[in-house]
Structures are given as structure tokens and as C-alpha cells.
Amino acid sequence: MADEITYADFERVDIRVGTIVEASPFPEARKPAFKLLIDFGPEIGLKKSSAQITVHYTPESLVGRQVLGVVNFPPRQIGPVRSEVLTLGFEDEAGAIVLAATDRPVPNGQKLM
């Protein structure tokens, strides 16, 4: 278990919901990954992400899916892609990533409370 944090620490992490509008293979990545373009609503807009989610998903199955992402990390250069958001997920029993998502649609850009 991680160290205990305060509620103020949690509030600093800006986790929002967005809809994947584009997904494509990312062959230049060191580990298998997809390039994602995620719509986080009018306040945040479209953001790019690299996600190592190739075991359980295809690009076609990702488009239109809502996901959770941390939108206030600094951008990170991953090969030729500047990843602007950390797409969230969990490891399954084999170590493959399963996306974190809402169980019902919500407006893009909503903040995790």
C-alpha cells in the first residue's frame, strides 16, 4: 500500500473523463502501444496520449469509448509522440492493462470527485 496522503494532495491530481476520437498503432514505441486522441470537452479540448493497451483492445474498439486520464501532468515525449495526458488503467492477472472508465456515459471533461 502507498503512503497515506491528505485530501489536498488528492485534489491536486486532475482526473477527467474523455472520449477517444482517434486510435492508431504506435510502432515506434518501445513496448506495444496505441496513439490516442481524446476529447476532454470544451474546457480542456483534444489531448494526445500513448497507451500500452494492445492486449485487450484494438484501435477500432477504442474509438467512442470513454476513459479516465490525468490531465495536469507535464507532457512527455514518447518517441515521435508528445503524450499530453496519462490514460488510466489497471493490470490484470497477466500484467496487461485494462482501462479505467465510467460505467455510464458522462459529459467529457467531468472531474473525478
C-alpha atoms as a PDB file:
ATOM      1  CA  MET A   1       0.000   0.000   0.000  1.00  0.00           C
ATOM      2  CA  ALA A   2       1.178   3.523  -0.778  1.00  0.00           C
ATOM      3  CA  ASP A   3       1.870   6.171   1.855  1.00  0.00           C
ATOM      4  CA  GLU A   4      -1.140   7.986   3.250  1.00  0.00           C
ATOM      5  CA  ILE A   5      -1.920  11.349   1.626  1.00  0.00           C
ATOM      6  CA  THR A   6      -4.162  14.261   2.533  1.00  0.00           C
ATOM      7  CA  TYR A   7      -7.327  15.230   0.679  1.00  0.00           C
ATOM      8  CA  ALA A   8      -5.447  18.324  -0.528  1.00  0.00           C
ATOM      9  CA  ASP A   9      -2.871  16.001  -2.158  1.00  0.00           C
ATOM     10  CA  PHE A  10      -5.669  14.147  -3.959  1.00  0.00           C
ATOM     11  CA  GLU A  11      -7.244  17.414  -5.165  1.00  0.00           C
ATOM     12  CA  ARG A  12      -4.006  18.310  -6.967  1.00  0.00           C
ATOM     13  CA  VAL A  13      -4.390  15.319  -9.324  1.00  0.00           C
ATOM     14  CA  ASP A  14      -6.791  16.387 -12.076  1.00  0.00           C
ATOM     15  CA  ILE A  15      -8.507  13.211 -13.318  1.00  0.00           C
ATOM     16  CA  ARG A  16     -11.074  13.814 -16.076  1.00  0.00           C
ATOM     17  CA  VAL A  17     -13.254  11.715 -18.346  1.00  0.00           C
ATOM     18  CA  GLY A  18     -12.843  11.937 -22.097  1.00  0.00           C
ATOM     19  CA  THR A  19     -13.917  10.139 -25.248  1.00  0.00           C
ATOM     20  CA  ILE A  20     -11.361   8.543 -27.566  1.00  0.00           C
ATOM     21  CA  VAL A  21     -11.896  10.061 -31.025  1.00  0.00           C
ATOM     22  CA  GLU A  22      -8.867   8.506 -32.767  1.00  0.00           C
ATOM     23  CA  ALA A  23      -6.752   5.427 -32.042  1.00  0.00           C
ATOM     24  CA  SER A  24      -3.906   4.077 -34.139  1.00  0.00           C
ATOM     25  CA  PRO A  25      -0.950   1.704 -33.818  1.00  0.00           C
ATOM     26  CA  PHE A  26       2.277   3.178 -32.433  1.00  0.00           C
ATOM     27  CA  PRO A  27       5.033   1.004 -33.965  1.00  0.00           C
ATOM     28  CA  GLU A  28       7.802   3.409 -32.862  1.00  0.00           C
ATOM     29  CA  ALA A  29       7.077   2.763 -29.156  1.00  0.00           C
ATOM     30  CA  ARG A  30       9.499   0.515 -27.233  1.00  0.00           C
ATOM     31  CA  LYS A  31       6.582  -1.512 -25.819  1.00  0.00           C
ATOM     32  CA  PRO A  32       3.415  -2.239 -27.825  1.00  0.00           C
ATOM     33  CA  ALA A  33       1.131   0.804 -27.611  1.00  0.00           C
ATOM     34  CA  PHE A  34      -1.540   2.837 -29.347  1.00  0.00           C
ATOM     35  CA  LYS A  35      -1.627   6.559 -30.073  1.00  0.00           C
ATOM     36  CA  LEU A  36      -4.860   8.054 -28.795  1.00  0.00           C
ATOM     37  CA  LEU A  37      -6.591  11.379 -29.368  1.00  0.00           C
ATOM     38  CA  ILE A  38      -9.033  12.021 -26.517  1.00  0.00           C
ATOM     39  CA  ASP A  39     -11.740  14.695 -26.330  1.00  0.00           C
ATOM     40  CA  PHE A  40     -11.844  16.118 -22.786  1.00  0.00           C
ATOM     41  CA  GLY A  41     -14.605  18.631 -23.543  1.00  0.00           C
ATOM     42  CA  PRO A  42     -14.596  22.361 -24.280  1.00  0.00           C
ATOM     43  CA  GLU A  43     -12.516  23.452 -21.267  1.00  0.00           C
ATOM     44  CA  ILE A  44      -9.555  21.105 -21.933  1.00  0.00           C
ATOM     45  CA  GLY A  45     -10.048  20.088 -25.563  1.00  0.00           C
ATOM     46  CA  LEU A  46      -8.328  17.336 -27.532  1.00  0.00           C
ATOM     47  CA  LYS A  47      -5.262  15.713 -25.953  1.00  0.00           C
ATOM     48  CA  LYS A  48      -2.814  13.086 -27.245  1.00  0.00           C
ATOM     49  CA  SER A  49      -1.811  10.027 -25.261  1.00  0.00           C
ATOM     50  CA  SER A  50       0.288   6.909 -25.723  1.00  0.00           C
ATOM     51  CA  ALA A  51      -1.223   3.866 -24.030  1.00  0.00           C
ATOM     52  CA  GLN A  52       0.125   0.332 -23.653  1.00  0.00           C
ATOM     53  CA  ILE A  53      -3.298  -1.275 -24.043  1.00  0.00           C
ATOM     54  CA  THR A  54      -2.751  -3.522 -27.067  1.00  0.00           C
ATOM     55  CA  VAL A  55      -3.598  -6.858 -25.390  1.00  0.00           C
ATOM     56  CA  HIS A  56      -7.295  -6.258 -24.680  1.00  0.00           C
ATOM     57  CA  TYR A  57      -8.126  -3.558 -27.245  1.00  0.00           C
ATOM     58  CA  THR A  58      -7.905  -2.758 -30.956  1.00  0.00           C
ATOM     59  CA  PRO A  59      -7.914   0.762 -32.387  1.00  0.00           C
ATOM     60  CA  GLU A  60     -11.423   0.137 -33.749  1.00  0.00           C
ATOM     61  CA  SER A  61     -12.761  -0.938 -30.348  1.00  0.00           C
ATOM     62  CA  LEU A  62     -11.343   2.169 -28.653  1.00  0.00           C
ATOM     63  CA  VAL A  63     -12.956   4.906 -30.754  1.00  0.00           C
ATOM     64  CA  GLY A  64     -16.025   6.230 -28.944  1.00  0.00           C
ATOM     65  CA  ARG A  65     -15.021   4.729 -25.582  1.00  0.00           C
ATOM     66  CA  GLN A  66     -14.882   6.997 -22.541  1.00  0.00           C
ATOM     67  CA  VAL A  67     -11.720   6.754 -20.441  1.00  0.00           C
ATOM     68  CA  LEU A  68     -10.189   8.433 -17.409  1.00  0.00           C
ATOM     69  CA  GLY A  69      -6.994  10.449 -17.684  1.00  0.00           C
ATOM     70  CA  VAL A  70      -4.723  12.650 -15.595  1.00  0.00           C
ATOM     71  CA  VAL A  71      -4.703  15.961 -17.474  1.00  0.00           C
ATOM     72  CA  ASN A  72      -2.331  18.025 -15.313  1.00  0.00           C
ATOM     73  CA  PHE A  73       0.919  16.082 -15.693  1.00  0.00           C
ATOM     74  CA  PRO A  74       3.521  17.805 -17.865  1.00  0.00           C
ATOM     75  CA  PRO A  75       3.670  16.463 -21.456  1.00  0.00           C
ATOM     76  CA  ARG A  76       6.047  13.554 -22.001  1.00  0.00           C
ATOM     77  CA  GLN A  77       7.895  12.797 -25.220  1.00  0.00           C
ATOM     78  CA  ILE A  78       7.483   9.132 -26.189  1.00  0.00           C
ATOM     79  CA  GLY A  79       9.354   8.602 -29.433  1.00  0.00           C
ATOM     80  CA  PRO A  80       7.785  10.920 -32.021  1.00  0.00           C
ATOM     81  CA  VAL A  81       4.622  11.433 -29.908  1.00  0.00           C
ATOM     82  CA  ARG A  82       4.187  14.125 -27.268  1.00  0.00           C
ATOM     83  CA  SER A  83       1.862  12.451 -24.757  1.00  0.00           C
ATOM     84  CA  GLU A  84      -0.217  15.150 -23.051  1.00  0.00           C
ATOM     85  CA  VAL A  85      -2.333  13.030 -20.711  1.00  0.00           C
ATOM     86  CA  LEU A  86      -1.886   9.816 -18.708  1.00  0.00           C
ATOM     87  CA  THR A  87      -4.651   7.394 -19.666  1.00  0.00           C
ATOM     88  CA  LEU A  88      -5.538   5.350 -16.575  1.00  0.00           C
ATOM     89  CA  GLY A  89      -5.906   1.605 -16.228  1.00  0.00           C
ATOM     90  CA  PHE A  90      -5.239  -1.432 -14.072  1.00  0.00           C
ATOM     91  CA  GLU A  91      -3.095  -4.524 -14.622  1.00  0.00           C
ATOM     92  CA  ASP A  92      -4.991  -7.776 -14.992  1.00  0.00           C
ATOM     93  CA  GLU A  93      -3.636 -11.053 -13.579  1.00  0.00           C
ATOM     94  CA  ALA A  94      -1.231 -11.368 -16.543  1.00  0.00           C
ATOM     95  CA  GLY A  95       0.006  -7.763 -16.355  1.00  0.00           C
ATOM     96  CA  ALA A  96      -1.953  -6.454 -19.361  1.00  0.00           C
ATOM     97  CA  ILE A  97      -3.680  -3.094 -18.920  1.00  0.00           C
ATOM     98  CA  VAL A  98      -7.468  -2.810 -18.570  1.00  0.00           C
ATOM     99  CA  LEU A  99      -8.763   0.755 -18.997  1.00  0.00           C
ATOM    100  CA  ALA A 100     -10.311   2.664 -16.100  1.00  0.00           C
ATOM    101  CA  ALA A 101     -13.684   4.024 -17.203  1.00  0.00           C
ATOM    102  CA  THR A 102     -17.122   5.089 -16.041  1.00  0.00           C
ATOM    103  CA  ASP A 103     -19.964   2.575 -16.002  1.00  0.00           C
ATOM    104  CA  ARG A 104     -22.350   5.135 -17.574  1.00  0.00           C
ATOM    105  CA  PRO A 105     -21.698   7.964 -20.049  1.00  0.00           C
ATOM    106  CA  VAL A 106     -20.921  11.351 -18.515  1.00  0.00           C
ATOM    107  CA  PRO A 107     -20.065  14.666 -20.198  1.00  0.00           C
ATOM    108  CA  ASN A 108     -16.488  14.888 -21.446  1.00  0.00           C
ATOM    109  CA  GLY A 109     -14.293  16.917 -19.138  1.00  0.00           C
ATOM    110  CA  GLN A 110     -16.036  15.957 -15.903  1.00  0.00           C
ATOM    111  CA  LYS A 111     -13.592  15.823 -12.993  1.00  0.00           C
ATOM    112  CA  LEU A 112     -13.305  12.753 -10.758  1.00  0.00           C
ATOM    113  CA  MET A 113     -14.744  13.667  -7.382  1.00  0.00           C
END
